[in-house]
């Protein structure tokens, strides 16, 4: 999965890739600058593979939203953080029609778009990685269905 090991650290710009784990910290590398630094357990660290977006039904994993965004934009970067908020909302509604507009704020949409653009720029999201991740998600969904039936 292309989001494996990709982290967001509260108070730090951009995204980070986990390099290794220490006793009470992890070593991360900035996707923006390439610099390595320790991230301590007291920092609010979010693994992007664990992030989900509120919808009117069940929450959607961020990875599915990013895949939809990749397909919708044909693998190109999308609107930046300085774009018109109505344009951003319209594009996000196109990618995830059933998102919960009361719980998902424009600031969340901006963050998702900036993450997506960075991942495309650094070639973490590519045609091949999307296909591979889709296969993994299908396999995982099939396993989940089998567990429900048992």
C-alpha atoms as a PDB file:
ATOM      1  CA  UNK A   1       0.000   0.000   0.000  1.00  0.00           C
ATOM      2  CA  UNK A   2       1.478   3.336  -1.040  1.00  0.00           C
ATOM      3  CA  UNK A   3       0.565   5.066   2.253  1.00  0.00           C
ATOM      4  CA  UNK A   4       2.447   2.572   4.402  1.00  0.00           C
ATOM      5  CA  UNK A   5       4.986   4.389   6.573  1.00  0.00           C
ATOM      6  CA  UNK A   6       3.777   7.869   5.526  1.00  0.00           C
ATOM      7  CA  UNK A   7       3.074  10.082   8.541  1.00  0.00           C
ATOM      8  CA  UNK A   8       1.665  13.474   9.389  1.00  0.00           C
ATOM      9  CA  UNK A   9       3.104  15.154  12.482  1.00  0.00           C
ATOM     10  CA  UNK A  10       1.080  17.870  14.174  1.00  0.00           C
ATOM     11  CA  UNK A  11       2.892  21.197  14.104  1.00  0.00           C
ATOM     12  CA  UNK A  12       5.245  20.099  11.296  1.00  0.00           C
ATOM     13  CA  UNK A  13       4.642  21.059   7.655  1.00  0.00           C
ATOM     14  CA  UNK A  14       4.360  18.378   4.987  1.00  0.00           C
ATOM     15  CA  UNK A  15       4.501  14.625   5.291  1.00  0.00           C
ATOM     16  CA  UNK A  16       7.151  12.270   6.625  1.00  0.00           C
ATOM     17  CA  UNK A  17       8.337   8.765   5.878  1.00  0.00           C
ATOM     18  CA  UNK A  18       9.125   6.546   8.848  1.00  0.00           C
ATOM     19  CA  UNK A  19      12.729   5.377   8.643  1.00  0.00           C
ATOM     20  CA  UNK A  20      13.238   3.466  11.894  1.00  0.00           C
ATOM     21  CA  UNK A  21      11.923   3.190  15.425  1.00  0.00           C
ATOM     22  CA  UNK A  22      13.887   3.942  18.587  1.00  0.00           C
ATOM     23  CA  UNK A  23      13.077   3.428  22.242  1.00  0.00           C
ATOM     24  CA  UNK A  24      10.852   6.482  22.757  1.00  0.00           C
ATOM     25  CA  UNK A  25      10.920   8.046  19.308  1.00  0.00           C
ATOM     26  CA  UNK A  26      10.866   7.295  15.630  1.00  0.00           C
ATOM     27  CA  UNK A  27      13.220   8.632  13.007  1.00  0.00           C
ATOM     28  CA  UNK A  28      11.368  10.245  10.130  1.00  0.00           C
ATOM     29  CA  UNK A  29      12.434  11.817   6.862  1.00  0.00           C
ATOM     30  CA  UNK A  30      10.615  14.849   5.491  1.00  0.00           C
ATOM     31  CA  UNK A  31       9.177  14.285   2.020  1.00  0.00           C
ATOM     32  CA  UNK A  32       9.581  18.035   1.416  1.00  0.00           C
ATOM     33  CA  UNK A  33      13.173  18.667   2.529  1.00  0.00           C
ATOM     34  CA  UNK A  34      14.612  15.156   2.740  1.00  0.00           C
ATOM     35  CA  UNK A  35      15.992  15.911   6.212  1.00  0.00           C
ATOM     36  CA  UNK A  36      15.798  13.302   8.938  1.00  0.00           C
ATOM     37  CA  UNK A  37      14.703  14.065  12.485  1.00  0.00           C
ATOM     38  CA  UNK A  38      13.394  12.303  15.572  1.00  0.00           C
ATOM     39  CA  UNK A  39       9.645  12.370  16.269  1.00  0.00           C
ATOM     40  CA  UNK A  40       8.916  11.709  19.916  1.00  0.00           C
ATOM     41  CA  UNK A  41       5.969   9.761  21.283  1.00  0.00           C
ATOM     42  CA  UNK A  42       4.586  12.993  22.779  1.00  0.00           C
ATOM     43  CA  UNK A  43       4.022  14.448  19.272  1.00  0.00           C
ATOM     44  CA  UNK A  44       0.661  13.857  17.660  1.00  0.00           C
ATOM     45  CA  UNK A  45       1.611  11.525  14.836  1.00  0.00           C
ATOM     46  CA  UNK A  46      -0.955  10.193  12.380  1.00  0.00           C
ATOM     47  CA  UNK A  47      -0.270   7.351   9.986  1.00  0.00           C
ATOM     48  CA  UNK A  48      -2.026   8.242   6.730  1.00  0.00           C
ATOM     49  CA  UNK A  49      -3.069   4.623   6.198  1.00  0.00           C
ATOM     50  CA  UNK A  50      -5.173   4.925   9.391  1.00  0.00           C
ATOM     51  CA  UNK A  51      -6.897   8.208   8.458  1.00  0.00           C
ATOM     52  CA  UNK A  52     -10.549   8.039   7.392  1.00  0.00           C
ATOM     53  CA  UNK A  53     -12.945  10.643   6.003  1.00  0.00           C
ATOM     54  CA  UNK A  54     -16.457  11.157   7.364  1.00  0.00           C
ATOM     55  CA  UNK A  55     -19.266  10.315   4.953  1.00  0.00           C
ATOM     56  CA  UNK A  56     -23.019  10.150   5.360  1.00  0.00           C
ATOM     57  CA  UNK A  57     -22.597   6.371   5.718  1.00  0.00           C
ATOM     58  CA  UNK A  58     -19.467   4.582   6.900  1.00  0.00           C
ATOM     59  CA  UNK A  59     -16.132   6.373   7.062  1.00  0.00           C
ATOM     60  CA  UNK A  60     -13.981   6.049   3.923  1.00  0.00           C
ATOM     61  CA  UNK A  61     -10.274   5.311   4.293  1.00  0.00           C
ATOM     62  CA  UNK A  62      -8.044   8.131   3.026  1.00  0.00           C
ATOM     63  CA  UNK A  63      -6.329   5.705   0.666  1.00  0.00           C
ATOM     64  CA  UNK A  64      -9.610   5.204  -1.243  1.00  0.00           C
ATOM     65  CA  UNK A  65     -10.146   8.967  -1.473  1.00  0.00           C
ATOM     66  CA  UNK A  66      -6.600   9.452  -2.805  1.00  0.00           C
ATOM     67  CA  UNK A  67      -7.115   6.694  -5.386  1.00  0.00           C
ATOM     68  CA  UNK A  68     -10.353   8.366  -6.548  1.00  0.00           C
ATOM     69  CA  UNK A  69      -8.530  11.703  -6.714  1.00  0.00           C
ATOM     70  CA  UNK A  70      -5.717  10.116  -8.751  1.00  0.00           C
ATOM     71  CA  UNK A  71      -8.170   8.635 -11.242  1.00  0.00           C
ATOM     72  CA  UNK A  72     -10.247  11.818 -11.424  1.00  0.00           C
ATOM     73  CA  UNK A  73      -7.198  14.010 -12.089  1.00  0.00           C
ATOM     74  CA  UNK A  74      -5.568  11.406 -14.371  1.00  0.00           C
ATOM     75  CA  UNK A  75      -2.515  11.270 -12.117  1.00  0.00           C
ATOM     76  CA  UNK A  76      -1.880  15.003 -12.161  1.00  0.00           C
ATOM     77  CA  UNK A  77      -1.727  17.421  -9.245  1.00  0.00           C
ATOM     78  CA  UNK A  78      -4.971  19.083  -8.190  1.00  0.00           C
ATOM     79  CA  UNK A  79      -5.991  22.451  -6.774  1.00  0.00           C
ATOM     80  CA  UNK A  80      -3.521  24.023  -4.377  1.00  0.00           C
ATOM     81  CA  UNK A  81      -4.207  25.526  -0.961  1.00  0.00           C
ATOM     82  CA  UNK A  82      -4.603  29.002  -2.478  1.00  0.00           C
ATOM     83  CA  UNK A  83      -7.430  27.906  -4.791  1.00  0.00           C
ATOM     84  CA  UNK A  84     -11.010  29.068  -4.453  1.00  0.00           C
ATOM     85  CA  UNK A  85     -12.793  27.188  -1.672  1.00  0.00           C
ATOM     86  CA  UNK A  86     -15.894  26.579  -3.811  1.00  0.00           C
ATOM     87  CA  UNK A  87     -13.721  24.931  -6.490  1.00  0.00           C
ATOM     88  CA  UNK A  88     -12.100  22.754  -3.839  1.00  0.00           C
ATOM     89  CA  UNK A  89     -15.447  21.689  -2.386  1.00  0.00           C
ATOM     90  CA  UNK A  90     -16.795  20.912  -5.879  1.00  0.00           C
ATOM     91  CA  UNK A  91     -13.767  18.756  -6.738  1.00  0.00           C
ATOM     92  CA  UNK A  92     -13.903  16.954  -3.394  1.00  0.00           C
ATOM     93  CA  UNK A  93     -17.643  16.291  -3.863  1.00  0.00           C
ATOM     94  CA  UNK A  94     -16.828  14.849  -7.292  1.00  0.00           C
ATOM     95  CA  UNK A  95     -14.231  12.510  -5.778  1.00  0.00           C
ATOM     96  CA  UNK A  96     -16.259  11.589  -2.669  1.00  0.00           C
ATOM     97  CA  UNK A  97     -19.926  12.440  -3.346  1.00  0.00           C
ATOM     98  CA  UNK A  98     -21.238  11.232   0.012  1.00  0.00           C
ATOM     99  CA  UNK A  99     -18.754  13.089   2.246  1.00  0.00           C
ATOM    100  CA  UNK A 100     -20.282  14.646   5.360  1.00  0.00           C
ATOM    101  CA  UNK A 101     -20.102  18.383   4.704  1.00  0.00           C
ATOM    102  CA  UNK A 102     -20.846  19.148   8.368  1.00  0.00           C
ATOM    103  CA  UNK A 103     -17.845  17.169   9.666  1.00  0.00           C
ATOM    104  CA  UNK A 104     -15.358  17.624   6.810  1.00  0.00           C
ATOM    105  CA  UNK A 105     -14.181  21.241   6.781  1.00  0.00           C
ATOM    106  CA  UNK A 106     -12.558  23.188   3.945  1.00  0.00           C
ATOM    107  CA  UNK A 107      -9.296  23.077   5.948  1.00  0.00           C
ATOM    108  CA  UNK A 108      -9.499  19.254   5.872  1.00  0.00           C
ATOM    109  CA  UNK A 109     -10.046  19.293   2.112  1.00  0.00           C
ATOM    110  CA  UNK A 110      -7.056  21.646   1.652  1.00  0.00           C
ATOM    111  CA  UNK A 111      -4.897  19.309   3.718  1.00  0.00           C
ATOM    112  CA  UNK A 112      -5.986  16.244   1.719  1.00  0.00           C
ATOM    113  CA  UNK A 113      -5.259  18.059  -1.561  1.00  0.00           C
ATOM    114  CA  UNK A 114      -1.832  19.228  -0.357  1.00  0.00           C
ATOM    115  CA  UNK A 115      -0.993  15.683   0.816  1.00  0.00           C
ATOM    116  CA  UNK A 116      -2.138  14.287  -2.524  1.00  0.00           C
ATOM    117  CA  UNK A 117      -0.079  16.832  -4.494  1.00  0.00           C
ATOM    118  CA  UNK A 118       3.038  16.052  -2.452  1.00  0.00           C
ATOM    119  CA  UNK A 119       2.562  12.292  -2.885  1.00  0.00           C
ATOM    120  CA  UNK A 120       2.152  12.735  -6.656  1.00  0.00           C
ATOM    121  CA  UNK A 121       5.167  15.058  -6.846  1.00  0.00           C
ATOM    122  CA  UNK A 122       7.360  12.564  -4.965  1.00  0.00           C
ATOM    123  CA  UNK A 123       5.996   9.722  -7.137  1.00  0.00           C
ATOM    124  CA  UNK A 124       4.614   7.802  -4.172  1.00  0.00           C
ATOM    125  CA  UNK A 125       1.230   7.697  -5.883  1.00  0.00           C
ATOM    126  CA  UNK A 126       1.762   6.300  -9.370  1.00  0.00           C
ATOM    127  CA  UNK A 127      -0.317   4.242 -11.781  1.00  0.00           C
ATOM    128  CA  UNK A 128       1.418   1.061 -10.591  1.00  0.00           C
ATOM    129  CA  UNK A 129       1.090   1.840  -6.862  1.00  0.00           C
ATOM    130  CA  UNK A 130      -2.616   2.600  -7.317  1.00  0.00           C
ATOM    131  CA  UNK A 131      -3.218  -0.726  -9.111  1.00  0.00           C
ATOM    132  CA  UNK A 132      -1.277  -2.625  -6.451  1.00  0.00           C
ATOM    133  CA  UNK A 133      -3.160  -0.902  -3.626  1.00  0.00           C
ATOM    134  CA  UNK A 134      -6.520  -1.565  -5.278  1.00  0.00           C
ATOM    135  CA  UNK A 135      -5.674  -5.280  -5.432  1.00  0.00           C
ATOM    136  CA  UNK A 136      -4.724  -5.233  -1.731  1.00  0.00           C
ATOM    137  CA  UNK A 137      -7.982  -3.439  -0.832  1.00  0.00           C
ATOM    138  CA  UNK A 138     -10.067  -5.924  -2.853  1.00  0.00           C
ATOM    139  CA  UNK A 139      -8.340  -8.829  -1.115  1.00  0.00           C
ATOM    140  CA  UNK A 140      -8.859  -7.208   2.299  1.00  0.00           C
ATOM    141  CA  UNK A 141     -12.546  -6.504   1.563  1.00  0.00           C
ATOM    142  CA  UNK A 142     -13.069 -10.115   0.456  1.00  0.00           C
ATOM    143  CA  UNK A 143     -11.477 -11.353   3.697  1.00  0.00           C
ATOM    144  CA  UNK A 144     -13.697  -9.006   5.718  1.00  0.00           C
ATOM    145  CA  UNK A 145     -16.796 -10.313   3.909  1.00  0.00           C
ATOM    146  CA  UNK A 146     -15.776 -13.909   4.651  1.00  0.00           C
ATOM    147  CA  UNK A 147     -15.373 -13.078   8.350  1.00  0.00           C
ATOM    148  CA  UNK A 148     -18.832 -11.464   8.443  1.00  0.00           C
ATOM    149  CA  UNK A 149     -20.407 -14.558   6.893  1.00  0.00           C
ATOM    150  CA  UNK A 150     -18.828 -16.915   9.447  1.00  0.00           C
END
